[in-house]
Amino acid sequence: MEKYIVSDTGVKVFKDYRENIIIDKDNPVLRNKAKLPRETYNRGKVKGLSRLGSENSEDAKTWNIFRALQLNNNIKKYYGLVDINDDCERILFWGLDSETGKFDRNLKSVLDNIESPALWNIQQTEPDVIIIGKNTVVFNESKLGKHGASIDAWNRKDEFSDKHELYKKRAEEYFYKEFIENFQMEGRRFYQLMRNYIVGTNFAAILNKKFYLVAIVSKENKAISGLSHQEEFELFCSKLKNSSRCHLLTWDKLE
């Protein structure tokens, strides 16, 4: 019996997502993520299967790489790639502690202040990987996408609604005036990076640590704007009052 099903778009999806995981397959973080309705396919041949089982799953790749670095005591390799000198204490995957599988309470507190549960009842921000060191907090935003494609890197397609006003208010502290004045356009273009930067800065402040933002991308892809990921990321950084602790990293350097 085949271990996978080929989706209507030609992508292999494992019937048991653990077949797509190469390390610590039974970790509670993975179990908790896999059972979420939004993490399950709801149509086509692969309906009911976990998205973690997709051969193109960037979440699975993120886990495989960072959990391996953690369990092999090799986070120093990662720190070296982003010019950080620190010792790792904990890692959160999608807000969940890699050892307990529980959502971090301090992160939840920050999110509730910025993304009110009453308004963000479907899904609050889930940073891909948060590396908490003795002195630093690093938020990693991972992007993969189809090999060689132009992808929706960090943008939001839909227009902002009232619930995004708190982000606009918070952004005033970190972004230049032009960004705020054109928030509907600029905020949507760099939506995921903006959210991670604002949430991460506030989270690090609670822990009294320095904040870093790292965007991880495929070197084979481009942003949907037509710019390279490097160019798009540099444009985002130009909107920030302080981008000195923002870095771009490619997957191949981690593997």
Protein backbone atom coordinates (compact mmCIF):
# COMPACT_ATOMS: atom_id res chain seq x y z
CA MET A 1 0.00 0.00 0.00
CA GLU A 2 1.31 3.45 -0.94
CA LYS A 3 2.32 5.67 1.97
CA TYR A 4 1.21 8.78 0.16
CA ILE A 5 -1.50 10.20 -2.09
CA VAL A 6 -0.78 12.43 -5.06
CA SER A 7 -2.93 15.56 -4.84
CA ASP A 8 -4.94 17.02 -7.71
CA THR A 9 -2.00 19.39 -8.30
CA GLY A 10 0.53 16.56 -8.45
CA VAL A 11 2.04 16.94 -4.96
CA LYS A 12 2.78 13.90 -2.82
CA VAL A 13 1.10 14.02 0.60
CA PHE A 14 1.91 11.29 3.12
CA LYS A 15 -1.08 9.61 4.72
CA ASP A 16 0.81 9.74 8.03
CA TYR A 17 2.55 13.11 8.28
CA ARG A 18 5.29 11.50 10.37
CA GLU A 19 6.62 9.87 7.20
CA ASN A 20 7.60 13.42 6.16
CA ILE A 21 9.41 14.10 9.43
CA ILE A 22 13.00 12.97 9.84
CA ILE A 23 13.55 13.72 13.53
CA ASP A 24 11.51 13.52 16.76
CA LYS A 25 8.44 12.38 14.81
CA ASP A 26 6.18 11.96 17.85
CA ASN A 27 6.87 15.31 19.48
CA PRO A 28 3.73 16.89 21.01
CA VAL A 29 4.37 20.07 19.02
CA LEU A 30 3.78 18.17 15.79
CA ARG A 31 0.76 16.32 17.16
CA ASN A 32 -0.82 19.55 18.37
CA LYS A 33 -0.21 21.31 15.06
CA ALA A 34 -1.32 18.42 12.87
CA LYS A 35 -4.73 18.10 14.54
CA LEU A 36 -5.71 21.75 13.95
CA PRO A 37 -8.51 22.05 11.34
CA ARG A 38 -6.59 24.73 9.42
CA GLU A 39 -3.63 22.35 9.13
CA THR A 40 -5.74 19.69 7.39
CA TYR A 41 -6.62 19.55 3.70
CA ASN A 42 -10.34 20.05 3.20
CA ARG A 43 -10.80 19.07 -0.44
CA GLY A 44 -9.63 16.86 -3.27
CA LYS A 45 -7.87 13.51 -3.09
CA VAL A 46 -5.90 14.52 0.01
CA LYS A 47 -8.91 15.70 2.02
CA GLY A 48 -8.44 14.93 5.72
CA LEU A 49 -4.65 14.61 5.51
CA SER A 50 -2.28 16.85 7.46
CA ARG A 51 -0.49 19.59 5.55
CA LEU A 52 2.64 18.55 7.42
CA GLY A 53 2.63 15.47 5.21
CA SER A 54 3.09 17.41 1.98
CA GLU A 55 6.43 17.01 0.24
CA ASN A 56 6.36 20.81 -0.20
CA SER A 57 5.54 21.59 3.44
CA GLU A 58 7.76 24.41 4.65
CA ASP A 59 6.54 23.66 8.18
CA ALA A 60 7.90 20.11 7.93
CA LYS A 61 11.18 21.39 6.52
CA THR A 62 11.39 24.02 9.25
CA TRP A 63 10.91 21.36 11.92
CA ASN A 64 13.36 18.93 10.33
CA ILE A 65 16.13 21.50 10.14
CA PHE A 66 15.73 23.44 13.38
CA ARG A 67 14.80 20.49 15.58
CA ALA A 68 17.83 18.63 14.27
CA LEU A 69 20.05 21.63 15.05
CA GLN A 70 18.57 21.78 18.54
CA LEU A 71 18.83 18.07 19.38
CA ASN A 72 22.33 17.86 17.94
CA ASN A 73 23.42 20.90 19.99
CA ASN A 74 24.30 22.72 16.79
CA ILE A 75 22.37 25.97 17.13
CA LYS A 76 25.77 27.71 17.17
CA LYS A 77 25.90 27.00 13.43
CA TYR A 78 22.69 28.95 12.97
CA TYR A 79 23.84 31.79 15.23
CA GLY A 80 27.01 32.09 13.19
CA LEU A 81 25.05 32.50 9.96
CA VAL A 82 23.14 35.50 11.36
CA ASP A 83 26.03 37.07 13.29
CA ILE A 84 24.65 36.40 16.78
CA ASN A 85 26.79 35.42 19.73
CA ASP A 86 24.56 33.66 22.22
CA ASP A 87 23.62 30.32 23.79
CA CYS A 88 20.22 28.80 23.03
CA GLU A 89 17.92 28.16 25.98
CA ARG A 90 14.60 27.28 24.34
CA ILE A 91 13.00 27.01 20.92
CA LEU A 92 9.35 27.65 20.09
CA PHE A 93 7.85 26.19 16.93
CA TRP A 94 4.67 28.06 15.91
CA GLY A 95 4.54 29.38 19.49
CA LEU A 96 4.76 25.90 21.02
CA ASP A 97 7.64 24.94 23.30
CA SER A 98 9.64 22.14 21.66
CA GLU A 99 9.91 20.24 24.96
CA THR A 100 6.40 20.61 26.39
CA GLY A 101 4.23 21.20 23.34
CA LYS A 102 2.51 24.09 25.15
CA PHE A 103 1.99 27.59 23.77
CA ASP A 104 4.30 30.11 25.42
CA ARG A 105 2.42 32.24 27.96
CA ASN A 106 4.45 35.42 27.40
CA LEU A 107 3.96 35.19 23.66
CA LYS A 108 0.23 34.66 24.16
CA SER A 109 0.11 37.76 26.35
CA VAL A 110 1.77 39.87 23.64
CA LEU A 111 -0.52 38.51 20.95
CA ASP A 112 -3.65 39.16 22.99
CA ASN A 113 -2.60 42.79 23.38
CA ILE A 114 -2.02 43.29 19.67
CA GLU A 115 -4.36 40.74 18.13
CA SER A 116 -7.41 40.69 20.36
CA PRO A 117 -8.93 37.17 20.50
CA ALA A 118 -12.32 38.78 19.97
CA LEU A 119 -11.19 40.03 16.56
CA TRP A 120 -8.56 37.42 15.66
CA ASN A 121 -10.72 34.44 16.56
CA ILE A 122 -9.59 32.30 13.62
CA GLN A 123 -5.82 32.57 13.92
CA GLN A 124 -3.37 34.83 15.69
CA THR A 125 0.19 35.17 14.46
CA GLU A 126 2.21 31.95 14.71
CA PRO A 127 5.91 32.78 14.27
CA ASP A 128 7.58 29.82 12.55
CA VAL A 129 10.58 29.46 14.86
CA ILE A 130 11.52 31.54 17.89
CA ILE A 131 15.00 30.90 19.25
CA ILE A 132 15.35 32.17 22.81
CA GLY A 133 18.92 32.58 23.98
CA LYS A 134 20.45 33.93 27.17
CA ASN A 135 20.58 37.43 25.72
CA THR A 136 18.58 37.37 22.49
CA VAL A 137 15.26 36.42 20.94
CA VAL A 138 15.23 35.58 17.23
CA PHE A 139 12.00 35.38 15.24
CA ASN A 140 12.40 33.32 12.05
CA GLU A 141 9.91 33.73 9.21
CA SER A 142 10.28 30.84 6.75
CA LYS A 143 9.32 30.92 3.06
CA LEU A 144 9.80 28.08 0.62
CA GLY A 145 7.39 27.83 -2.30
CA LYS A 146 7.65 25.90 -5.55
CA HIS A 147 11.18 25.62 -6.91
CA GLY A 148 12.03 28.57 -9.15
CA ALA A 149 8.67 30.29 -8.70
CA SER A 150 7.72 33.86 -7.91
CA ILE A 151 5.81 33.57 -4.65
CA ASP A 152 3.70 35.68 -2.33
CA ALA A 153 6.63 36.19 -0.03
CA TRP A 154 5.38 38.26 2.88
CA ASN A 155 2.36 40.09 1.53
CA ARG A 156 -1.35 40.07 2.38
CA LYS A 157 -3.75 40.04 -0.56
CA ASP A 158 -6.85 41.30 1.23
CA GLU A 159 -7.25 44.89 2.36
CA PHE A 160 -6.85 45.73 6.02
CA SER A 161 -9.88 45.92 8.26
CA ASP A 162 -10.54 47.62 11.59
CA LYS A 163 -8.71 44.90 13.48
CA HIS A 164 -5.43 45.97 11.88
CA GLU A 165 -5.58 49.45 13.39
CA LEU A 166 -3.59 48.27 16.41
CA TYR A 167 -0.80 47.18 14.09
CA LYS A 168 -0.81 50.58 12.44
CA LYS A 169 -0.63 52.23 15.85
CA ARG A 170 2.23 50.00 16.99
CA ALA A 171 4.03 50.44 13.68
CA GLU A 172 4.40 54.16 14.33
CA GLU A 173 7.09 53.35 16.89
CA TYR A 174 9.21 51.25 14.52
CA PHE A 175 8.57 52.42 10.96
CA TYR A 176 9.17 55.68 9.14
CA LYS A 177 6.32 58.12 8.55
CA GLU A 178 5.97 57.21 4.87
CA PHE A 179 5.22 53.60 5.81
CA ILE A 180 2.44 54.70 8.17
CA GLU A 181 0.97 57.15 5.69
CA ASN A 182 0.79 54.38 3.07
CA PHE A 183 -0.06 51.63 5.55
CA GLN A 184 -2.77 50.01 3.42
CA MET A 185 -0.19 49.38 0.68
CA GLU A 186 3.11 49.09 2.55
CA GLY A 187 1.74 47.17 5.52
CA ARG A 188 0.14 44.60 3.23
CA ARG A 189 3.24 44.22 1.05
CA PHE A 190 5.41 43.35 4.06
CA TYR A 191 2.60 41.97 6.21
CA GLN A 192 4.23 38.89 7.69
CA LEU A 193 7.55 40.61 8.31
CA MET A 194 5.80 43.57 9.93
CA ARG A 195 3.77 41.34 12.26
CA ASN A 196 6.81 39.33 13.29
CA TYR A 197 8.85 42.48 13.88
CA ILE A 198 6.23 44.13 16.09
CA VAL A 199 5.26 40.97 18.00
CA GLY A 200 8.88 39.92 18.36
CA THR A 201 10.07 43.28 19.65
CA ASN A 202 7.38 43.28 22.33
CA PHE A 203 8.02 39.64 23.24
CA ALA A 204 11.76 40.25 23.61
CA ALA A 205 11.06 43.30 25.80
CA ILE A 206 9.11 41.12 28.26
CA LEU A 207 12.11 38.79 28.49
CA ASN A 208 14.55 41.72 28.67
CA LYS A 209 16.49 40.44 25.65
CA LYS A 210 17.64 41.87 22.31
CA PHE A 211 15.34 41.18 19.38
CA TYR A 212 16.41 39.88 15.96
CA LEU A 213 14.31 39.12 12.86
CA VAL A 214 15.48 36.54 10.32
CA ALA A 215 13.71 35.83 7.02
CA ILE A 216 14.55 32.39 5.60
CA VAL A 217 13.96 31.91 1.87
CA SER A 218 14.77 29.69 -1.07
CA LYS A 219 17.56 31.16 -3.19
CA GLU A 220 15.82 29.75 -6.28
CA ASN A 221 12.66 31.84 -5.82
CA LYS A 222 11.68 35.48 -6.17
CA ALA A 223 9.05 37.62 -4.53
CA ILE A 224 5.85 38.10 -6.50
CA SER A 225 6.90 41.73 -7.05
CA GLY A 226 9.57 40.44 -9.44
CA LEU A 227 12.37 41.44 -7.10
CA SER A 228 14.71 38.91 -5.61
CA HIS A 229 14.02 38.01 -1.98
CA GLN A 230 17.16 39.94 -1.08
CA GLU A 231 15.91 43.08 -2.82
CA GLU A 232 12.42 42.76 -1.35
CA PHE A 233 13.85 42.25 2.14
CA GLU A 234 16.18 45.22 1.81
CA LEU A 235 13.19 47.32 0.78
CA PHE A 236 11.37 46.23 3.94
CA CYS A 237 14.41 47.11 6.04
CA SER A 238 14.50 50.58 4.48
CA LYS A 239 11.07 51.24 6.01
CA LEU A 240 12.33 50.54 9.55
CA LYS A 241 13.86 53.11 11.85
CA ASN A 242 16.30 50.44 13.01
CA SER A 243 16.97 47.41 10.82
CA SER A 244 20.43 46.59 12.20
CA ARG A 245 19.23 43.29 13.64
CA CYS A 246 17.32 42.06 10.59
CA HIS A 247 18.86 39.34 8.43
CA LEU A 248 18.03 37.30 5.34
CA LEU A 249 19.11 33.65 5.25
CA THR A 250 18.72 30.99 2.55
CA TRP A 251 17.69 27.41 3.23
CA ASP A 252 20.77 25.93 1.59
CA LYS A 253 23.02 27.52 4.23
CA LEU A 254 21.10 25.74 6.97
CA GLU A 255 21.01 22.31 5.35
